């Protein structure tokens, strides 16, 4: 992966095997649940990067997250994204994240 080892918008180093994602507007450091609506598989990821403003994608998942959703072969999928929050309105770290 050409992005492996590069810094993300949050300053973290991108690792393809971590459960992370890029999004246009969601706060960096927040966590979301992403569901592949074709097969109903779900993954929880940390938003640590920004998508280009002109991107037509809703979210760009790390390799590990895309593999978990069984979308590597297709490259894209229709997804549903849900922001995860605890009672104090802070992002909750899922078990499979970093």
C-alpha atoms as a PDB file:
ATOM      1  CA  UNK A   1       0.000   0.000   0.000  1.00  0.00           C
ATOM      2  CA  UNK A   2       1.483   3.369  -1.013  1.00  0.00           C
ATOM      3  CA  UNK A   3      -0.042   5.086   2.034  1.00  0.00           C
ATOM      4  CA  UNK A   4       1.517   2.703   4.583  1.00  0.00           C
ATOM      5  CA  UNK A   5       3.661   4.635   7.044  1.00  0.00           C
ATOM      6  CA  UNK A   6       2.499   8.096   5.949  1.00  0.00           C
ATOM      7  CA  UNK A   7       0.997  10.536   8.423  1.00  0.00           C
ATOM      8  CA  UNK A   8      -2.759  10.993   8.370  1.00  0.00           C
ATOM      9  CA  UNK A   9      -4.597  14.282   8.937  1.00  0.00           C
ATOM     10  CA  UNK A  10      -4.738  13.477  12.650  1.00  0.00           C
ATOM     11  CA  UNK A  11      -0.968  13.055  12.774  1.00  0.00           C
ATOM     12  CA  UNK A  12      -1.192   9.296  13.270  1.00  0.00           C
ATOM     13  CA  UNK A  13       0.820   7.016  11.013  1.00  0.00           C
ATOM     14  CA  UNK A  14      -1.383   5.066   8.586  1.00  0.00           C
ATOM     15  CA  UNK A  15      -1.278   1.308   9.026  1.00  0.00           C
ATOM     16  CA  UNK A  16      -3.312  -0.819   6.622  1.00  0.00           C
ATOM     17  CA  UNK A  17      -3.905  -3.440   9.323  1.00  0.00           C
ATOM     18  CA  UNK A  18      -5.504  -0.966  11.759  1.00  0.00           C
ATOM     19  CA  UNK A  19      -9.243  -0.312  11.773  1.00  0.00           C
ATOM     20  CA  UNK A  20      -9.281   3.306  10.580  1.00  0.00           C
ATOM     21  CA  UNK A  21     -10.972   5.463   7.970  1.00  0.00           C
ATOM     22  CA  UNK A  22     -10.963   8.818   6.203  1.00  0.00           C
ATOM     23  CA  UNK A  23     -14.088  10.989   6.060  1.00  0.00           C
ATOM     24  CA  UNK A  24     -14.814  14.506   4.790  1.00  0.00           C
ATOM     25  CA  UNK A  25     -16.486  15.987   7.879  1.00  0.00           C
ATOM     26  CA  UNK A  26     -16.631  13.636  10.886  1.00  0.00           C
ATOM     27  CA  UNK A  27     -14.339  14.755  13.718  1.00  0.00           C
ATOM     28  CA  UNK A  28     -10.861  13.276  13.705  1.00  0.00           C
ATOM     29  CA  UNK A  29     -10.562  10.778  16.546  1.00  0.00           C
ATOM     30  CA  UNK A  30     -14.232   9.847  16.494  1.00  0.00           C
ATOM     31  CA  UNK A  31     -15.390   6.273  16.038  1.00  0.00           C
ATOM     32  CA  UNK A  32     -18.044   4.998  13.676  1.00  0.00           C
ATOM     33  CA  UNK A  33     -19.722   1.729  12.884  1.00  0.00           C
ATOM     34  CA  UNK A  34     -19.732   0.976   9.158  1.00  0.00           C
ATOM     35  CA  UNK A  35     -22.163  -1.601   7.760  1.00  0.00           C
ATOM     36  CA  UNK A  36     -21.871  -3.080   4.276  1.00  0.00           C
ATOM     37  CA  UNK A  37     -25.557  -2.977   3.278  1.00  0.00           C
ATOM     38  CA  UNK A  38     -25.099  -5.774   0.744  1.00  0.00           C
ATOM     39  CA  UNK A  39     -23.935  -8.442   3.219  1.00  0.00           C
ATOM     40  CA  UNK A  40     -24.794  -6.730   6.554  1.00  0.00           C
ATOM     41  CA  UNK A  41     -21.241  -7.153   7.870  1.00  0.00           C
ATOM     42  CA  UNK A  42     -20.182  -4.467  10.357  1.00  0.00           C
ATOM     43  CA  UNK A  43     -16.853  -2.981  11.430  1.00  0.00           C
ATOM     44  CA  UNK A  44     -15.953  -0.241  13.912  1.00  0.00           C
ATOM     45  CA  UNK A  45     -13.269   2.240  12.836  1.00  0.00           C
ATOM     46  CA  UNK A  46     -11.532   5.364  14.057  1.00  0.00           C
ATOM     47  CA  UNK A  47     -11.666   8.445  11.823  1.00  0.00           C
ATOM     48  CA  UNK A  48      -8.042   9.560  11.518  1.00  0.00           C
ATOM     49  CA  UNK A  49      -7.848  11.116   8.056  1.00  0.00           C
ATOM     50  CA  UNK A  50      -9.684  13.416   5.645  1.00  0.00           C
ATOM     51  CA  UNK A  51     -11.091  12.613   2.240  1.00  0.00           C
ATOM     52  CA  UNK A  52     -10.420  15.117  -0.517  1.00  0.00           C
ATOM     53  CA  UNK A  53     -13.317  17.576  -0.796  1.00  0.00           C
ATOM     54  CA  UNK A  54     -13.951  16.512  -4.412  1.00  0.00           C
ATOM     55  CA  UNK A  55     -14.040  12.796  -3.571  1.00  0.00           C
ATOM     56  CA  UNK A  56     -17.273  11.045  -4.487  1.00  0.00           C
ATOM     57  CA  UNK A  57     -16.721   8.496  -1.687  1.00  0.00           C
ATOM     58  CA  UNK A  58     -18.575   8.740   1.601  1.00  0.00           C
ATOM     59  CA  UNK A  59     -15.769   7.057   3.559  1.00  0.00           C
ATOM     60  CA  UNK A  60     -12.411   5.475   2.770  1.00  0.00           C
ATOM     61  CA  UNK A  61     -11.607   2.439   4.899  1.00  0.00           C
ATOM     62  CA  UNK A  62      -8.248   0.957   5.777  1.00  0.00           C
ATOM     63  CA  UNK A  63      -7.420  -2.395   4.168  1.00  0.00           C
ATOM     64  CA  UNK A  64      -8.232  -4.289   7.383  1.00  0.00           C
ATOM     65  CA  UNK A  65     -11.633  -2.624   7.726  1.00  0.00           C
ATOM     66  CA  UNK A  66     -12.496  -3.164   4.049  1.00  0.00           C
ATOM     67  CA  UNK A  67     -11.453  -6.813   4.330  1.00  0.00           C
ATOM     68  CA  UNK A  68     -13.674  -7.232   7.406  1.00  0.00           C
ATOM     69  CA  UNK A  69     -16.620  -5.969   5.318  1.00  0.00           C
ATOM     70  CA  UNK A  70     -15.717  -8.355   2.484  1.00  0.00           C
ATOM     71  CA  UNK A  71     -15.309  -5.548  -0.045  1.00  0.00           C
ATOM     72  CA  UNK A  72     -11.671  -5.936  -1.135  1.00  0.00           C
ATOM     73  CA  UNK A  73     -12.488  -7.628  -4.441  1.00  0.00           C
ATOM     74  CA  UNK A  74     -15.207  -5.132  -5.412  1.00  0.00           C
ATOM     75  CA  UNK A  75     -13.270  -2.136  -4.100  1.00  0.00           C
ATOM     76  CA  UNK A  76     -16.433  -0.250  -3.171  1.00  0.00           C
ATOM     77  CA  UNK A  77     -19.725  -0.999  -1.461  1.00  0.00           C
ATOM     78  CA  UNK A  78     -22.854   0.755  -0.311  1.00  0.00           C
ATOM     79  CA  UNK A  79     -22.495   1.375   3.402  1.00  0.00           C
ATOM     80  CA  UNK A  80     -24.378   2.752   6.375  1.00  0.00           C
ATOM     81  CA  UNK A  81     -22.347   4.822   8.859  1.00  0.00           C
ATOM     82  CA  UNK A  82     -23.340   5.346  12.492  1.00  0.00           C
ATOM     83  CA  UNK A  83     -21.344   7.568  14.859  1.00  0.00           C
ATOM     84  CA  UNK A  84     -20.576   5.878  18.186  1.00  0.00           C
ATOM     85  CA  UNK A  85     -20.886   7.898  21.382  1.00  0.00           C
ATOM     86  CA  UNK A  86     -20.967   7.158  25.095  1.00  0.00           C
ATOM     87  CA  UNK A  87     -23.226   8.874  27.637  1.00  0.00           C
ATOM     88  CA  UNK A  88     -20.743  11.759  27.986  1.00  0.00           C
ATOM     89  CA  UNK A  89     -20.878  12.351  24.213  1.00  0.00           C
ATOM     90  CA  UNK A  90     -17.285  11.296  23.724  1.00  0.00           C
ATOM     91  CA  UNK A  91     -16.246   8.847  21.037  1.00  0.00           C
ATOM     92  CA  UNK A  92     -16.064   5.257  22.241  1.00  0.00           C
ATOM     93  CA  UNK A  93     -13.084   3.123  21.231  1.00  0.00           C
ATOM     94  CA  UNK A  94     -14.253  -0.207  19.764  1.00  0.00           C
ATOM     95  CA  UNK A  95     -12.431  -3.411  20.686  1.00  0.00           C
ATOM     96  CA  UNK A  96     -10.975  -3.907  17.194  1.00  0.00           C
ATOM     97  CA  UNK A  97      -9.529  -0.413  16.836  1.00  0.00           C
ATOM     98  CA  UNK A  98      -5.841   0.354  17.124  1.00  0.00           C
END
